[in-house]
Amino acid sequence: MYKNSWIKMGFKFIKLVMLIFLISLITTNVSNKKIIKFENFSFNKSLDLTASAEKEEEEKPLPVVTNYSSKSSYTGDLTGYAADCPLCNGTLACQRTYNVFKNNVVTFTDADYGEVRIVASSKNLPCGSIIRFNSNRISEDTTYAIVLDRGVLGYNIDLLVPSESYAMNKIGRSKITYDVLRFGW
């Protein structure tokens, strides 16, 4: 008898919870129908404006990345080096897991600056520093590079290139002025 009264109370409680749930579900659906109709009305109007804006953006050419502000400027020698040099193993001093010799790469994809060239510098520039320079020996466009290796003195820069012969024949040694856009990671 004592057990049956608890069971009856449990069933009454379950019925009450289900009734409250159904009432809240019905009231929510009724109030949401009004909101949904209003949102659809607004959505259709904003959709037209968004489509117009996207069409205008498609017609504009993509901007060239030139608005990075310089933190500092330095002058030094630009030279080239390659992962296939006699004493090189293809790993970088600042990014040991990024094997440029095995993967046959001379670029690195940076989260902020995108695909940039790889350079070696002295400890004057921390690992992960981004620099910008112009050299007709490399490209007519501005070159963006990241410091991922060591092995030069002062403010000289050593650009990673595909081979040692390319470094000697195309890059050589020249004076450049470069801007530092980011100091380290």
N, C-alpha and C. Protein backbone atom coordinates (compact mmCIF):
# COMPACT_ATOMS: atom_id res chain seq x y z
N MET A 1 0.81 -1.18 0.00
CA MET A 1 0.00 0.00 0.00
C MET A 1 0.87 1.26 0.00
N TYR A 2 1.89 1.24 0.81
CA TYR A 2 2.81 2.36 0.88
C TYR A 2 3.51 2.55 -0.46
N LYS A 3 3.86 1.41 -1.11
CA LYS A 3 4.54 1.42 -2.38
C LYS A 3 3.63 1.94 -3.50
N ASN A 4 2.38 1.56 -3.49
CA ASN A 4 1.43 2.00 -4.53
C ASN A 4 1.20 3.50 -4.49
N SER A 5 1.19 4.11 -3.33
CA SER A 5 0.96 5.55 -3.25
C SER A 5 2.12 6.32 -3.88
N TRP A 6 3.34 5.81 -3.71
CA TRP A 6 4.50 6.45 -4.34
C TRP A 6 4.43 6.32 -5.86
N ILE A 7 3.99 5.20 -6.35
CA ILE A 7 3.87 4.99 -7.79
C ILE A 7 2.81 5.93 -8.37
N LYS A 8 1.68 6.06 -7.67
CA LYS A 8 0.62 6.96 -8.14
C LYS A 8 1.13 8.40 -8.17
N MET A 9 1.87 8.79 -7.14
CA MET A 9 2.42 10.16 -7.11
C MET A 9 3.40 10.37 -8.26
N GLY A 10 4.17 9.36 -8.58
CA GLY A 10 5.13 9.45 -9.68
C GLY A 10 4.42 9.65 -11.01
N PHE A 11 3.34 8.92 -11.24
CA PHE A 11 2.57 9.08 -12.48
C PHE A 11 1.95 10.47 -12.57
N LYS A 12 1.42 10.96 -11.45
CA LYS A 12 0.84 12.31 -11.44
C LYS A 12 1.90 13.36 -11.76
N PHE A 13 3.09 13.17 -11.20
CA PHE A 13 4.18 14.10 -11.45
C PHE A 13 4.59 14.10 -12.92
N ILE A 14 4.68 12.92 -13.51
CA ILE A 14 5.04 12.80 -14.93
C ILE A 14 3.99 13.45 -15.81
N LYS A 15 2.70 13.23 -15.47
CA LYS A 15 1.62 13.86 -16.24
C LYS A 15 1.73 15.38 -16.15
N LEU A 16 2.02 15.90 -14.97
CA LEU A 16 2.12 17.34 -14.77
C LEU A 16 3.29 17.91 -15.58
N VAL A 17 4.43 17.25 -15.58
CA VAL A 17 5.59 17.71 -16.33
C VAL A 17 5.29 17.70 -17.83
N MET A 18 4.61 16.65 -18.30
CA MET A 18 4.27 16.56 -19.72
C MET A 18 3.29 17.66 -20.11
N LEU A 19 2.33 17.95 -19.24
CA LEU A 19 1.36 19.00 -19.50
C LEU A 19 2.06 20.36 -19.58
N ILE A 20 2.97 20.64 -18.68
CA ILE A 20 3.71 21.91 -18.70
C ILE A 20 4.55 22.00 -19.97
N PHE A 21 5.17 20.92 -20.34
CA PHE A 21 5.97 20.88 -21.56
C PHE A 21 5.12 21.18 -22.80
N LEU A 22 3.96 20.54 -22.90
CA LEU A 22 3.08 20.77 -24.05
C LEU A 22 2.59 22.22 -24.10
N ILE A 23 2.24 22.77 -22.96
CA ILE A 23 1.76 24.16 -22.93
C ILE A 23 2.87 25.11 -23.37
N SER A 24 4.08 24.89 -22.87
CA SER A 24 5.19 25.77 -23.27
C SER A 24 5.52 25.60 -24.75
N LEU A 25 5.41 24.41 -25.26
CA LEU A 25 5.67 24.15 -26.68
C LEU A 25 4.64 24.87 -27.54
N ILE A 26 3.37 24.80 -27.16
CA ILE A 26 2.30 25.44 -27.93
C ILE A 26 2.46 26.96 -27.90
N THR A 27 2.74 27.52 -26.73
CA THR A 27 2.88 28.99 -26.65
C THR A 27 4.12 29.46 -27.41
N THR A 28 5.17 28.67 -27.39
CA THR A 28 6.38 29.03 -28.13
C THR A 28 6.12 29.02 -29.63
N ASN A 29 5.40 28.03 -30.14
CA ASN A 29 5.10 27.95 -31.56
C ASN A 29 4.22 29.10 -32.01
N VAL A 30 3.25 29.47 -31.17
CA VAL A 30 2.36 30.57 -31.54
C VAL A 30 3.13 31.87 -31.62
N SER A 31 3.98 32.14 -30.63
CA SER A 31 4.72 33.41 -30.65
C SER A 31 5.81 33.40 -31.72
N ASN A 32 6.39 32.24 -32.03
CA ASN A 32 7.43 32.16 -33.07
C ASN A 32 6.88 32.38 -34.46
N LYS A 33 5.61 32.03 -34.70
CA LYS A 33 5.04 32.23 -36.02
C LYS A 33 5.01 33.71 -36.37
N LYS A 34 4.68 34.54 -35.41
CA LYS A 34 4.67 35.97 -35.66
C LYS A 34 6.09 36.46 -35.93
N ILE A 35 7.06 36.00 -35.16
CA ILE A 35 8.45 36.42 -35.33
C ILE A 35 8.99 35.92 -36.66
N ILE A 36 8.69 34.70 -37.02
CA ILE A 36 9.20 34.13 -38.27
C ILE A 36 8.68 34.93 -39.46
N LYS A 37 7.41 35.28 -39.45
CA LYS A 37 6.87 36.07 -40.55
C LYS A 37 7.57 37.42 -40.63
N PHE A 38 7.83 38.03 -39.50
CA PHE A 38 8.51 39.32 -39.48
C PHE A 38 9.95 39.17 -39.96
N GLU A 39 10.66 38.11 -39.50
CA GLU A 39 12.04 37.88 -39.92
C GLU A 39 12.12 37.61 -41.41
N ASN A 40 11.18 36.85 -41.95
CA ASN A 40 11.19 36.58 -43.38
C ASN A 40 11.03 37.86 -44.18
N PHE A 41 10.15 38.74 -43.71
CA PHE A 41 9.94 40.01 -44.39
C PHE A 41 11.25 40.81 -44.40
N SER A 42 11.90 40.91 -43.25
CA SER A 42 13.16 41.65 -43.16
C SER A 42 14.26 40.94 -43.92
N PHE A 43 14.29 39.65 -43.86
CA PHE A 43 15.33 38.86 -44.52
C PHE A 43 15.30 39.07 -46.03
N ASN A 44 14.10 39.10 -46.61
CA ASN A 44 13.99 39.28 -48.05
C ASN A 44 14.54 40.63 -48.48
N LYS A 45 14.26 41.66 -47.71
CA LYS A 45 14.76 42.98 -48.06
C LYS A 45 16.28 43.04 -47.90
N SER A 46 16.81 42.48 -46.82
CA SER A 46 18.25 42.53 -46.61
C SER A 46 18.97 41.62 -47.60
N LEU A 47 18.32 40.56 -48.05
CA LEU A 47 18.91 39.66 -49.04
C LEU A 47 19.16 40.41 -50.35
N ASP A 48 18.20 41.24 -50.75
CA ASP A 48 18.36 42.02 -51.97
C ASP A 48 19.53 42.98 -51.85
N LEU A 49 19.66 43.64 -50.70
CA LEU A 49 20.76 44.57 -50.50
C LEU A 49 22.10 43.84 -50.47
N THR A 50 22.14 42.68 -49.82
CA THR A 50 23.37 41.90 -49.75
C THR A 50 23.79 41.43 -51.13
N ALA A 51 22.85 40.96 -51.93
CA ALA A 51 23.15 40.50 -53.28
C ALA A 51 23.70 41.65 -54.12
N SER A 52 23.14 42.84 -53.97
CA SER A 52 23.64 44.00 -54.71
C SER A 52 25.06 44.33 -54.28
N ALA A 53 25.33 44.29 -53.00
CA ALA A 53 26.67 44.60 -52.50
C ALA A 53 27.68 43.58 -52.98
N GLU A 54 27.31 42.29 -52.98
CA GLU A 54 28.22 41.25 -53.46
C GLU A 54 28.53 41.43 -54.94
N LYS A 55 27.54 41.83 -55.71
CA LYS A 55 27.75 42.03 -57.14
C LYS A 55 28.73 43.19 -57.37
N GLU A 56 28.59 44.28 -56.59
CA GLU A 56 29.51 45.40 -56.72
C GLU A 56 30.92 45.00 -56.33
N GLU A 57 31.06 44.17 -55.27
CA GLU A 57 32.38 43.73 -54.83
C GLU A 57 33.04 42.84 -55.87
N GLU A 58 32.27 42.01 -56.58
CA GLU A 58 32.82 41.13 -57.59
C GLU A 58 33.46 41.92 -58.72
N GLU A 59 32.91 43.08 -59.03
CA GLU A 59 33.40 43.86 -60.14
C GLU A 59 34.69 44.60 -59.80
N LYS A 60 34.98 44.84 -58.52
CA LYS A 60 36.18 45.54 -58.13
C LYS A 60 37.36 44.58 -58.15
N PRO A 61 38.53 45.04 -58.61
CA PRO A 61 39.71 44.17 -58.55
C PRO A 61 40.17 44.02 -57.10
N LEU A 62 40.80 42.89 -56.81
CA LEU A 62 41.29 42.65 -55.47
C LEU A 62 42.45 43.58 -55.16
N PRO A 63 42.50 44.15 -53.95
CA PRO A 63 43.58 45.08 -53.64
C PRO A 63 44.91 44.34 -53.47
N VAL A 64 45.98 45.00 -53.84
CA VAL A 64 47.32 44.45 -53.66
C VAL A 64 47.76 44.77 -52.23
N VAL A 65 48.38 43.81 -51.58
CA VAL A 65 48.79 44.00 -50.19
C VAL A 65 50.01 44.90 -50.15
N THR A 66 49.79 46.18 -49.82
CA THR A 66 50.89 47.13 -49.71
C THR A 66 50.74 48.03 -48.49
N ASN A 67 49.71 47.83 -47.72
CA ASN A 67 49.42 48.75 -46.63
C ASN A 67 50.02 48.33 -45.29
N TYR A 68 50.98 47.39 -45.29
CA TYR A 68 51.60 47.01 -44.03
C TYR A 68 52.56 48.11 -43.61
N SER A 69 52.43 48.60 -42.41
CA SER A 69 53.28 49.68 -41.96
C SER A 69 54.62 49.15 -41.45
N SER A 70 55.65 49.89 -41.71
CA SER A 70 57.01 49.50 -41.34
C SER A 70 57.28 49.84 -39.88
N LYS A 71 57.87 48.90 -39.16
CA LYS A 71 58.26 49.14 -37.77
C LYS A 71 59.66 49.74 -37.72
N SER A 72 60.50 49.36 -38.68
CA SER A 72 61.88 49.83 -38.74
C SER A 72 62.46 49.50 -40.10
N SER A 73 63.56 50.18 -40.49
CA SER A 73 64.24 49.91 -41.75
C SER A 73 65.71 49.68 -41.49
N TYR A 74 66.30 48.77 -42.27
CA TYR A 74 67.72 48.45 -42.14
C TYR A 74 68.32 48.33 -43.53
N THR A 75 69.63 48.51 -43.59
CA THR A 75 70.37 48.31 -44.83
C THR A 75 71.40 47.22 -44.59
N GLY A 76 71.49 46.30 -45.54
CA GLY A 76 72.44 45.20 -45.43
C GLY A 76 72.65 44.55 -46.78
N ASP A 77 73.44 43.49 -46.79
CA ASP A 77 73.69 42.75 -48.02
C ASP A 77 72.61 41.69 -48.21
N LEU A 78 72.18 41.53 -49.46
CA LEU A 78 71.28 40.46 -49.83
C LEU A 78 72.10 39.40 -50.56
N THR A 79 72.03 38.18 -50.07
CA THR A 79 72.68 37.04 -50.72
C THR A 79 71.66 35.92 -50.84
N GLY A 80 72.03 34.86 -51.51
CA GLY A 80 71.14 33.72 -51.65
C GLY A 80 71.80 32.46 -51.12
N TYR A 81 70.99 31.56 -50.62
CA TYR A 81 71.49 30.25 -50.20
C TYR A 81 70.45 29.21 -50.53
N ALA A 82 70.86 27.94 -50.53
CA ALA A 82 69.94 26.86 -50.88
C ALA A 82 70.09 25.71 -49.90
N ALA A 83 69.05 24.90 -49.84
CA ALA A 83 69.05 23.74 -48.93
C ALA A 83 69.96 22.64 -49.43
N ASP A 84 70.44 22.74 -50.68
CA ASP A 84 71.31 21.70 -51.22
C ASP A 84 72.80 22.02 -51.08
N CYS A 85 73.14 22.96 -50.21
CA CYS A 85 74.56 23.27 -50.01
C CYS A 85 75.26 22.09 -49.32
N PRO A 86 76.59 21.98 -49.44
CA PRO A 86 77.30 20.80 -48.93
C PRO A 86 77.08 20.50 -47.44
N LEU A 87 76.96 21.50 -46.59
CA LEU A 87 76.80 21.26 -45.16
C LEU A 87 75.37 21.44 -44.67
N CYS A 88 74.44 21.65 -45.58
CA CYS A 88 73.04 21.88 -45.18
C CYS A 88 72.27 20.56 -45.10
N ASN A 89 71.31 20.53 -44.17
CA ASN A 89 70.47 19.33 -44.06
C ASN A 89 69.01 19.62 -44.37
N GLY A 90 68.68 20.86 -44.69
CA GLY A 90 67.31 21.20 -45.08
C GLY A 90 66.42 21.69 -43.96
N THR A 91 66.89 21.60 -42.72
CA THR A 91 66.06 22.10 -41.61
C THR A 91 66.40 23.56 -41.34
N LEU A 92 65.47 24.28 -40.81
CA LEU A 92 65.63 25.70 -40.53
C LEU A 92 65.85 25.90 -39.04
N ALA A 93 66.66 26.88 -38.68
CA ALA A 93 66.99 27.13 -37.27
C ALA A 93 65.76 27.52 -36.45
N CYS A 94 64.82 28.24 -37.06
CA CYS A 94 63.66 28.73 -36.32
C CYS A 94 62.43 27.83 -36.46
N GLN A 95 62.46 26.93 -37.41
CA GLN A 95 61.30 26.08 -37.69
C GLN A 95 61.83 24.70 -38.07
N ARG A 96 62.32 23.96 -37.09
CA ARG A 96 63.02 22.70 -37.34
C ARG A 96 62.15 21.64 -38.04
N THR A 97 60.87 21.68 -37.86
CA THR A 97 60.00 20.66 -38.47
C THR A 97 59.69 20.96 -39.94
N TYR A 98 60.04 22.14 -40.40
CA TYR A 98 59.75 22.55 -41.78
C TYR A 98 61.00 22.28 -42.63
N ASN A 99 61.11 21.09 -43.21
CA ASN A 99 62.28 20.68 -43.96
C ASN A 99 62.17 21.17 -45.40
N VAL A 100 62.94 22.19 -45.73
CA VAL A 100 62.85 22.80 -47.06
C VAL A 100 63.53 21.95 -48.12
N PHE A 101 64.53 21.17 -47.74
CA PHE A 101 65.22 20.32 -48.72
C PHE A 101 64.33 19.15 -49.13
N LYS A 102 63.78 18.46 -48.14
CA LYS A 102 62.92 17.30 -48.43
C LYS A 102 61.65 17.72 -49.17
N ASN A 103 61.07 18.85 -48.77
CA ASN A 103 59.81 19.31 -49.38
C ASN A 103 60.03 20.18 -50.62
N ASN A 104 61.29 20.53 -50.92
CA ASN A 104 61.63 21.31 -52.09
C ASN A 104 60.84 22.62 -52.15
N VAL A 105 60.90 23.41 -51.06
CA VAL A 105 60.18 24.68 -50.98
C VAL A 105 61.12 25.82 -50.64
N VAL A 106 60.74 27.02 -51.04
CA VAL A 106 61.48 28.24 -50.68
C VAL A 106 60.54 29.28 -50.07
N THR A 107 59.30 28.87 -49.81
CA THR A 107 58.30 29.78 -49.23
C THR A 107 57.70 29.16 -47.98
N PHE A 108 57.00 30.01 -47.23
CA PHE A 108 56.33 29.61 -46.01
C PHE A 108 54.99 30.32 -45.98
N THR A 109 53.94 29.65 -45.51
CA THR A 109 52.63 30.28 -45.41
C THR A 109 52.43 30.80 -44.00
N ASP A 110 52.42 32.12 -43.87
CA ASP A 110 52.24 32.79 -42.59
C ASP A 110 50.76 33.09 -42.38
N ALA A 111 50.30 33.00 -41.14
CA ALA A 111 48.88 33.22 -40.83
C ALA A 111 48.44 34.64 -41.17
N ASP A 112 49.31 35.62 -40.99
CA ASP A 112 48.92 37.02 -41.22
C ASP A 112 49.29 37.53 -42.61
N TYR A 113 50.42 37.09 -43.14
CA TYR A 113 50.94 37.65 -44.39
C TYR A 113 50.81 36.72 -45.59
N GLY A 114 50.30 35.52 -45.38
CA GLY A 114 50.12 34.59 -46.50
C GLY A 114 51.44 33.95 -46.90
N GLU A 115 51.58 33.66 -48.19
CA GLU A 115 52.79 32.98 -48.66
C GLU A 115 53.92 33.99 -48.82
N VAL A 116 55.01 33.76 -48.08
CA VAL A 116 56.16 34.65 -48.08
C VAL A 116 57.43 33.84 -48.33
N ARG A 117 58.48 34.50 -48.79
CA ARG A 117 59.76 33.86 -49.00
C ARG A 117 60.44 33.61 -47.66
N ILE A 118 61.41 32.72 -47.62
CA ILE A 118 62.14 32.40 -46.40
C ILE A 118 63.52 33.04 -46.47
N VAL A 119 63.92 33.69 -45.37
CA VAL A 119 65.25 34.29 -45.29
C VAL A 119 65.94 33.87 -44.00
N ALA A 120 67.28 33.95 -44.05
CA ALA A 120 68.10 33.78 -42.86
C ALA A 120 68.61 35.15 -42.47
N SER A 121 68.71 35.38 -41.16
CA SER A 121 69.26 36.65 -40.68
C SER A 121 70.07 36.36 -39.42
N SER A 122 70.65 37.40 -38.87
CA SER A 122 71.32 37.25 -37.58
C SER A 122 70.25 37.34 -36.50
N LYS A 123 70.69 37.26 -35.26
CA LYS A 123 69.74 37.36 -34.15
C LYS A 123 69.24 38.78 -33.93
N ASN A 124 69.69 39.72 -34.78
CA ASN A 124 69.16 41.09 -34.72
C ASN A 124 67.67 41.10 -35.04
N LEU A 125 67.24 40.15 -35.86
CA LEU A 125 65.81 39.99 -36.18
C LEU A 125 65.33 38.68 -35.56
N PRO A 126 64.34 38.72 -34.68
CA PRO A 126 63.84 37.49 -34.06
C PRO A 126 63.18 36.56 -35.08
N CYS A 127 63.15 35.29 -34.75
CA CYS A 127 62.48 34.30 -35.60
C CYS A 127 61.02 34.71 -35.79
N GLY A 128 60.54 34.58 -37.01
CA GLY A 128 59.16 34.94 -37.32
C GLY A 128 58.99 36.37 -37.77
N SER A 129 60.08 37.14 -37.80
CA SER A 129 59.99 38.53 -38.27
C SER A 129 59.64 38.54 -39.74
N ILE A 130 58.83 39.51 -40.13
CA ILE A 130 58.44 39.68 -41.54
C ILE A 130 59.15 40.92 -42.07
N ILE A 131 59.78 40.77 -43.24
CA ILE A 131 60.45 41.91 -43.87
C ILE A 131 59.89 42.10 -45.28
N ARG A 132 60.11 43.33 -45.79
CA ARG A 132 59.66 43.69 -47.15
C ARG A 132 60.82 44.40 -47.85
N PHE A 133 61.12 43.97 -49.07
CA PHE A 133 62.19 44.63 -49.80
C PHE A 133 61.94 44.51 -51.30
N ASN A 134 62.70 45.32 -52.06
CA ASN A 134 62.64 45.29 -53.52
C ASN A 134 64.02 44.93 -54.04
N SER A 135 64.06 43.98 -54.95
CA SER A 135 65.29 43.61 -55.63
C SER A 135 64.93 43.07 -57.00
N ASN A 136 65.44 43.73 -58.04
CA ASN A 136 65.16 43.29 -59.41
C ASN A 136 65.77 41.93 -59.70
N ARG A 137 66.72 41.49 -58.90
CA ARG A 137 67.33 40.18 -59.09
C ARG A 137 66.35 39.06 -58.73
N ILE A 138 65.38 39.38 -57.89
CA ILE A 138 64.40 38.38 -57.44
C ILE A 138 63.09 38.53 -58.19
N SER A 139 62.56 39.76 -58.19
CA SER A 139 61.27 40.02 -58.80
C SER A 139 61.10 41.51 -59.03
N GLU A 140 60.25 41.85 -59.97
CA GLU A 140 59.92 43.27 -60.17
C GLU A 140 58.96 43.75 -59.10
N ASP A 141 58.25 42.82 -58.48
CA ASP A 141 57.31 43.15 -57.42
C ASP A 141 58.03 43.21 -56.06
N THR A 142 57.37 43.76 -55.08
CA THR A 142 57.90 43.78 -53.73
C THR A 142 57.93 42.37 -53.18
N THR A 143 59.01 42.03 -52.50
CA THR A 143 59.16 40.69 -51.92
C THR A 143 58.89 40.76 -50.43
N TYR A 144 58.05 39.86 -49.94
CA TYR A 144 57.77 39.72 -48.52
C TYR A 144 58.44 38.43 -48.07
N ALA A 145 59.13 38.47 -46.92
CA ALA A 145 59.86 37.29 -46.46
C ALA A 145 59.75 37.18 -44.94
N ILE A 146 59.96 35.95 -44.45
CA ILE A 146 59.92 35.66 -43.02
C ILE A 146 61.27 35.11 -42.59
N VAL A 147 61.73 35.53 -41.42
CA VAL A 147 62.98 35.04 -40.88
C VAL A 147 62.72 33.68 -40.22
N LEU A 148 63.25 32.63 -40.86
CA LEU A 148 63.10 31.28 -40.31
C LEU A 148 64.44 30.57 -40.16
N ASP A 149 65.54 31.26 -40.47
CA ASP A 149 66.84 30.62 -40.40
C ASP A 149 67.88 31.62 -39.90
N ARG A 150 69.02 31.12 -39.53
CA ARG A 150 70.14 31.92 -39.03
C ARG A 150 71.35 31.69 -39.92
N GLY A 151 72.43 32.42 -39.67
CA GLY A 151 73.67 32.14 -40.37
C GLY A 151 74.32 33.33 -41.04
N VAL A 152 73.83 34.54 -40.83
CA VAL A 152 74.46 35.73 -41.39
C VAL A 152 74.79 36.70 -40.26
N LEU A 153 75.55 37.71 -40.58
CA LEU A 153 75.98 38.69 -39.57
C LEU A 153 75.27 40.02 -39.77
N GLY A 154 75.16 40.77 -38.71
CA GLY A 154 74.60 42.13 -38.77
C GLY A 154 73.18 42.15 -39.28
N TYR A 155 72.96 43.06 -40.23
CA TYR A 155 71.62 43.21 -40.80
C TYR A 155 71.55 42.65 -42.22
N ASN A 156 72.44 41.74 -42.55
CA ASN A 156 72.41 41.08 -43.85
C ASN A 156 71.27 40.09 -43.91
N ILE A 157 70.82 39.82 -45.12
CA ILE A 157 69.71 38.89 -45.35
C ILE A 157 70.16 37.85 -46.36
N ASP A 158 69.87 36.59 -46.08
CA ASP A 158 70.21 35.49 -46.98
C ASP A 158 68.89 34.85 -47.42
N LEU A 159 68.56 34.97 -48.69
CA LEU A 159 67.28 34.50 -49.24
C LEU A 159 67.40 33.04 -49.65
N LEU A 160 66.46 32.22 -49.22
CA LEU A 160 66.43 30.81 -49.61
C LEU A 160 65.97 30.71 -51.06
N VAL A 161 66.78 30.01 -51.88
CA VAL A 161 66.49 29.86 -53.31
C VAL A 161 66.54 28.37 -53.66
N PRO A 162 66.11 27.98 -54.87
CA PRO A 162 66.02 26.56 -55.21
C PRO A 162 67.35 25.80 -55.22
N SER A 163 68.47 26.46 -55.61
CA SER A 163 69.75 25.73 -55.68
C SER A 163 70.91 26.70 -55.47
N GLU A 164 72.09 26.13 -55.14
CA GLU A 164 73.28 26.95 -54.95
C GLU A 164 73.68 27.65 -56.25
N SER A 165 73.53 26.98 -57.37
CA SER A 165 73.88 27.61 -58.65
C SER A 165 72.96 28.80 -58.93
N TYR A 166 71.69 28.68 -58.60
CA TYR A 166 70.76 29.80 -58.75
C TYR A 166 71.19 30.96 -57.85
N ALA A 167 71.60 30.65 -56.63
CA ALA A 167 72.04 31.69 -55.69
C ALA A 167 73.25 32.44 -56.24
N MET A 168 74.22 31.72 -56.80
CA MET A 168 75.43 32.37 -57.32
C MET A 168 75.15 33.14 -58.61
N ASN A 169 74.38 32.54 -59.52
CA ASN A 169 74.17 33.16 -60.83
C ASN A 169 73.11 34.26 -60.85
N LYS A 170 72.05 34.14 -60.06
CA LYS A 170 70.94 35.09 -60.12
C LYS A 170 70.94 36.11 -58.98
N ILE A 171 71.28 35.67 -57.77
CA ILE A 171 71.18 36.56 -56.61
C ILE A 171 72.50 37.29 -56.37
N GLY A 172 73.58 36.55 -56.23
CA GLY A 172 74.87 37.17 -55.98
C GLY A 172 74.89 37.89 -54.64
N ARG A 173 75.46 39.09 -54.61
CA ARG A 173 75.50 39.93 -53.41
C ARG A 173 75.18 41.36 -53.82
N SER A 174 74.23 41.95 -53.14
CA SER A 174 73.87 43.34 -53.43
C SER A 174 73.40 44.02 -52.15
N LYS A 175 73.53 45.33 -52.11
CA LYS A 175 73.05 46.12 -50.97
C LYS A 175 71.56 46.37 -51.13
N ILE A 176 70.81 46.17 -50.05
CA ILE A 176 69.38 46.48 -50.07
C ILE A 176 69.00 47.18 -48.78
N THR A 177 67.91 47.89 -48.85
CA THR A 177 67.26 48.43 -47.66
C THR A 177 65.94 47.71 -47.54
N TYR A 178 65.65 47.21 -46.36
CA TYR A 178 64.42 46.46 -46.16
C TYR A 178 63.68 47.00 -44.95
N ASP A 179 62.37 46.85 -44.97
CA ASP A 179 61.49 47.27 -43.88
C ASP A 179 61.10 46.06 -43.05
N VAL A 180 61.08 46.22 -41.75
CA VAL A 180 60.60 45.17 -40.87
C VAL A 180 59.14 45.48 -40.56
N LEU A 181 58.26 44.56 -40.94
CA LEU A 181 56.83 44.76 -40.74
C LEU A 181 56.35 44.13 -39.44
N ARG A 182 57.07 43.09 -38.99
CA ARG A 182 56.71 42.42 -37.72
C ARG A 182 58.01 41.91 -37.10
N PHE A 183 58.19 42.19 -35.81
CA PHE A 183 59.34 41.67 -35.07
C PHE A 183 58.92 40.39 -34.37
N GLY A 184 59.35 39.25 -34.89
CA GLY A 184 59.06 37.97 -34.26
C GLY A 184 57.61 37.55 -34.42
N TRP A 185 57.32 36.36 -33.89
CA TRP A 185 55.99 35.78 -34.01
C TRP A 185 55.04 36.66 -33.25
